[in-house]
């Protein structure tokens, strides 16, 4: 088990709960999809897991510690839409941002850091683009570059916030294939609304709407992809 939530409650105003009595165990080398309605608590769940927020009640453990004590073991991938593609930076430089905490007082990365960046780019199929401007990449390529940035530090836990938003179907499938492969060596949690595409790829689905329910991918109804959420429907 890489981490756990135990009876976690969280509220931003101390009155209206965003998450209520959430308990879940996150096993190692598993691929989880996180789904639920807007405002249901998905982003709050990620922030708690990253140690950016602390619960009012309950406990959260990651690798045997509080999340804020092991942030270096967490890789986070934002939506590419939230990243300024016009910022003048190369793909290699973008990936190296994942090692800013290791930057020397001279402001230079070591040779071994450059090698790690190249290794991360190789893992997402972008090594030939290392010198290209980040802004020149397609949406799918840019998202893969952000995944490489999250991977460069060798995290045990990879968190992604809707990594396939606003990219085409081919790029989406390429990213899903990458994440499935990465889940062989680390735990992957991905917030998504595209359940039809991702359900066959993941090990578990976490449905979050103030509370949390764990679903098997086979239990995920096509209604979910349309934003209509309900308990699993089973035939007698």
Protein backbone atom coordinates (compact mmCIF):
# COMPACT_ATOMS: atom_id res chain seq x y z
CA UNK A 1 0.00 0.00 0.00
CA UNK A 2 1.42 3.35 -1.03
CA UNK A 3 -1.06 5.52 0.85
CA UNK A 4 -4.41 5.79 2.55
CA UNK A 5 -7.22 8.10 3.60
CA UNK A 6 -8.94 7.20 6.87
CA UNK A 7 -12.27 8.88 7.71
CA UNK A 8 -11.15 12.16 6.16
CA UNK A 9 -13.34 15.25 6.39
CA UNK A 10 -12.44 18.55 4.71
CA UNK A 11 -14.20 21.89 4.42
CA UNK A 12 -12.84 25.22 3.15
CA UNK A 13 -15.13 27.25 5.39
CA UNK A 14 -15.35 24.87 8.35
CA UNK A 15 -19.08 24.44 7.80
CA UNK A 16 -19.89 22.98 4.39
CA UNK A 17 -17.98 19.73 3.80
CA UNK A 18 -16.26 19.21 0.46
CA UNK A 19 -15.17 15.70 1.42
CA UNK A 20 -16.95 13.69 4.09
CA UNK A 21 -15.79 10.48 5.78
CA UNK A 22 -13.50 9.50 2.88
CA UNK A 23 -11.57 6.27 3.34
CA UNK A 24 -9.51 4.50 0.68
CA UNK A 25 -6.33 2.44 0.39
CA UNK A 26 -4.10 3.12 -2.61
CA UNK A 27 -2.14 0.04 -3.57
CA UNK A 28 1.26 0.13 -5.22
CA UNK A 29 1.58 -0.18 -9.00
CA UNK A 30 -2.11 0.43 -9.65
CA UNK A 31 -3.83 2.71 -12.16
CA UNK A 32 -6.78 4.67 -10.72
CA UNK A 33 -9.22 6.90 -12.58
CA UNK A 34 -10.87 9.63 -10.50
CA UNK A 35 -14.32 10.68 -11.68
CA UNK A 36 -17.26 12.67 -10.40
CA UNK A 37 -19.26 15.85 -10.99
CA UNK A 38 -17.71 19.30 -11.04
CA UNK A 39 -17.44 20.56 -7.47
CA UNK A 40 -17.62 17.03 -6.09
CA UNK A 41 -14.18 17.19 -4.45
CA UNK A 42 -11.82 15.63 -7.01
CA UNK A 43 -9.31 18.50 -6.99
CA UNK A 44 -9.53 18.78 -3.20
CA UNK A 45 -8.75 15.07 -2.96
CA UNK A 46 -5.58 15.57 -5.04
CA UNK A 47 -4.51 18.60 -2.99
CA UNK A 48 -4.92 16.62 0.24
CA UNK A 49 -2.90 13.76 -1.23
CA UNK A 50 -0.13 16.19 -2.20
CA UNK A 51 -0.08 17.73 1.27
CA UNK A 52 -1.22 21.14 0.02
CA UNK A 53 -4.25 20.89 2.32
CA UNK A 54 -4.77 19.15 5.65
CA UNK A 55 -8.01 17.46 6.74
CA UNK A 56 -10.08 18.79 9.63
CA UNK A 57 -10.73 15.20 10.71
CA UNK A 58 -9.21 11.86 9.87
CA UNK A 59 -5.73 11.03 8.64
CA UNK A 60 -3.83 10.73 5.37
CA UNK A 61 -0.70 8.66 5.00
CA UNK A 62 1.68 8.39 2.08
CA UNK A 63 4.62 5.99 2.13
CA UNK A 64 4.26 5.83 5.92
CA UNK A 65 4.45 9.62 6.39
CA UNK A 66 2.29 12.71 6.13
CA UNK A 67 2.04 13.74 2.46
CA UNK A 68 3.79 17.08 3.01
CA UNK A 69 6.85 15.21 4.29
CA UNK A 70 7.28 13.15 1.12
CA UNK A 71 6.32 15.58 -1.65
CA UNK A 72 9.49 14.68 -3.53
CA UNK A 73 7.95 11.24 -4.06
CA UNK A 74 4.94 12.75 -5.86
CA UNK A 75 4.85 13.73 -9.53
CA UNK A 76 2.04 16.11 -10.55
CA UNK A 77 0.86 16.78 -14.10
CA UNK A 78 -1.47 19.76 -14.68
CA UNK A 79 -3.65 20.24 -17.74
CA UNK A 80 -1.60 21.60 -20.61
CA UNK A 81 -4.21 24.37 -20.93
CA UNK A 82 -3.04 25.71 -17.56
CA UNK A 83 0.56 26.06 -18.74
CA UNK A 84 1.73 29.07 -20.74
CA UNK A 85 2.86 27.59 -24.06
CA UNK A 86 4.12 31.01 -25.17
CA UNK A 87 6.78 31.13 -22.46
CA UNK A 88 10.17 30.94 -24.26
CA UNK A 89 11.49 27.62 -23.05
CA UNK A 90 12.74 24.47 -24.77
CA UNK A 91 11.25 21.05 -24.13
CA UNK A 92 14.43 19.97 -22.34
CA UNK A 93 14.35 23.06 -20.13
CA UNK A 94 10.70 22.42 -19.31
CA UNK A 95 11.46 18.87 -18.17
CA UNK A 96 14.40 20.07 -16.08
CA UNK A 97 11.98 22.23 -14.08
CA UNK A 98 11.09 19.00 -12.32
CA UNK A 99 14.55 19.13 -10.71
CA UNK A 100 14.61 22.80 -9.65
CA UNK A 101 15.20 21.76 -6.05
CA UNK A 102 18.53 20.24 -7.17
CA UNK A 103 19.70 23.32 -9.06
CA UNK A 104 23.20 24.39 -7.97
CA UNK A 105 23.91 27.83 -6.52
CA UNK A 106 25.46 28.66 -9.91
CA UNK A 107 22.10 28.11 -11.53
CA UNK A 108 23.28 25.14 -13.60
CA UNK A 109 22.09 21.58 -13.81
CA UNK A 110 24.61 18.76 -13.58
CA UNK A 111 25.39 16.37 -16.41
CA UNK A 112 23.48 13.61 -14.64
CA UNK A 113 20.41 15.90 -14.41
CA UNK A 114 20.51 16.42 -18.17
CA UNK A 115 20.73 12.65 -18.59
CA UNK A 116 17.64 12.21 -16.41
CA UNK A 117 15.76 14.74 -18.54
CA UNK A 118 16.67 12.83 -21.69
CA UNK A 119 15.62 9.58 -20.07
CA UNK A 120 12.25 11.07 -19.13
CA UNK A 121 11.76 12.42 -22.65
CA UNK A 122 12.68 9.03 -24.09
CA UNK A 123 10.03 7.40 -21.90
CA UNK A 124 7.29 9.59 -23.41
CA UNK A 125 8.60 9.45 -26.97
CA UNK A 126 9.83 13.04 -27.20
CA UNK A 127 13.61 12.75 -27.15
CA UNK A 128 13.82 14.06 -30.74
CA UNK A 129 12.05 17.24 -29.60
CA UNK A 130 14.37 18.08 -26.69
CA UNK A 131 15.65 21.28 -28.32
CA UNK A 132 12.30 22.33 -29.78
CA UNK A 133 10.40 25.28 -28.27
CA UNK A 134 7.71 24.01 -25.94
CA UNK A 135 5.20 26.27 -27.68
CA UNK A 136 5.77 24.49 -30.99
CA UNK A 137 4.43 21.16 -29.70
CA UNK A 138 0.97 19.85 -30.45
CA UNK A 139 -1.48 19.50 -27.55
CA UNK A 140 -0.73 15.81 -27.08
CA UNK A 141 3.03 16.33 -27.32
CA UNK A 142 2.90 19.20 -24.83
CA UNK A 143 0.98 17.05 -22.36
CA UNK A 144 3.56 14.27 -22.74
CA UNK A 145 6.31 16.82 -22.06
CA UNK A 146 4.57 17.77 -18.82
CA UNK A 147 4.38 14.09 -17.91
CA UNK A 148 8.14 13.83 -18.51
CA UNK A 149 8.66 16.80 -16.18
CA UNK A 150 6.71 14.96 -13.46
CA UNK A 151 8.65 11.74 -14.04
CA UNK A 152 12.19 13.16 -13.93
CA UNK A 153 12.41 12.99 -10.14
CA UNK A 154 11.48 9.30 -10.05
CA UNK A 155 8.19 9.63 -8.12
CA UNK A 156 6.41 6.68 -6.55
CA UNK A 157 3.04 8.37 -7.10
CA UNK A 158 1.98 10.11 -10.33
CA UNK A 159 -1.06 12.43 -10.18
CA UNK A 160 -2.67 13.85 -13.32
CA UNK A 161 -5.44 16.44 -13.61
CA UNK A 162 -7.41 15.69 -16.79
CA UNK A 163 -4.32 15.14 -18.95
CA UNK A 164 -6.35 14.46 -22.10
CA UNK A 165 -8.55 17.57 -22.00
CA UNK A 166 -8.71 19.32 -25.38
CA UNK A 167 -6.49 16.89 -27.28
CA UNK A 168 -7.50 14.62 -30.15
CA UNK A 169 -8.44 10.96 -29.80
CA UNK A 170 -5.14 9.62 -31.14
CA UNK A 171 -3.07 11.69 -28.70
CA UNK A 172 -5.44 10.67 -25.93
CA UNK A 173 -4.89 6.98 -26.60
CA UNK A 174 -1.12 7.50 -26.72
CA UNK A 175 -1.22 9.07 -23.26
CA UNK A 176 -3.44 6.32 -21.85
CA UNK A 177 -1.00 3.71 -23.20
CA UNK A 178 1.91 5.53 -21.56
CA UNK A 179 0.14 5.76 -18.21
CA UNK A 180 -0.79 2.08 -18.31
CA UNK A 181 2.90 1.27 -18.81
CA UNK A 182 4.05 3.62 -16.05
CA UNK A 183 1.58 1.97 -13.65
CA UNK A 184 3.71 -1.18 -13.86
CA UNK A 185 6.30 0.62 -11.71
CA UNK A 186 4.40 3.31 -9.81
CA UNK A 187 0.90 4.21 -8.65
CA UNK A 188 -0.99 6.44 -11.09
CA UNK A 189 -4.10 8.51 -10.26
CA UNK A 190 -5.78 10.44 -13.05
CA UNK A 191 -8.75 12.80 -12.90
CA UNK A 192 -10.79 12.35 -16.07
CA UNK A 193 -14.21 12.86 -17.61
CA UNK A 194 -13.53 10.53 -20.54
CA UNK A 195 -14.68 7.30 -18.95
CA UNK A 196 -15.54 5.46 -22.13
CA UNK A 197 -11.92 5.64 -23.25
CA UNK A 198 -10.15 5.10 -19.94
CA UNK A 199 -12.29 2.48 -18.14
CA UNK A 200 -10.72 -0.51 -19.96
CA UNK A 201 -7.23 0.76 -19.08
CA UNK A 202 -7.47 1.28 -15.31
CA UNK A 203 -7.50 -1.08 -12.35
CA UNK A 204 -9.98 0.90 -10.26
CA UNK A 205 -12.31 3.89 -10.54
CA UNK A 206 -12.64 6.31 -7.62
CA UNK A 207 -16.00 8.07 -7.78
CA UNK A 208 -15.85 11.26 -5.69
CA UNK A 209 -18.91 13.33 -4.89
CA UNK A 210 -18.30 14.51 -1.32
CA UNK A 211 -17.94 10.85 -0.37
CA UNK A 212 -15.77 8.30 -2.18
CA UNK A 213 -16.85 5.03 -3.75
CA UNK A 214 -14.45 2.50 -5.31
CA UNK A 215 -15.74 0.93 -8.51
CA UNK A 216 -14.45 -1.80 -10.73
CA UNK A 217 -14.09 -0.57 -14.33
CA UNK A 218 -16.77 -3.09 -15.39
CA UNK A 219 -19.23 -1.34 -13.05
CA UNK A 220 -18.82 2.03 -14.73
CA UNK A 221 -21.97 2.73 -16.72
CA UNK A 222 -21.93 4.66 -19.99
CA UNK A 223 -24.19 7.21 -18.27
CA UNK A 224 -21.13 8.36 -16.30
CA UNK A 225 -19.54 9.69 -19.46
CA UNK A 226 -22.60 11.94 -19.87
CA UNK A 227 -22.34 13.22 -16.30
CA UNK A 228 -25.18 11.05 -14.96
CA UNK A 229 -23.76 9.27 -11.91
CA UNK A 230 -25.46 6.43 -10.05
CA UNK A 231 -24.59 3.24 -8.12
CA UNK A 232 -23.46 0.24 -10.18
CA UNK A 233 -26.29 -1.41 -12.06
CA UNK A 234 -26.19 -5.19 -11.90
CA UNK A 235 -28.48 -7.74 -13.44
CA UNK A 236 -30.06 -10.40 -11.23
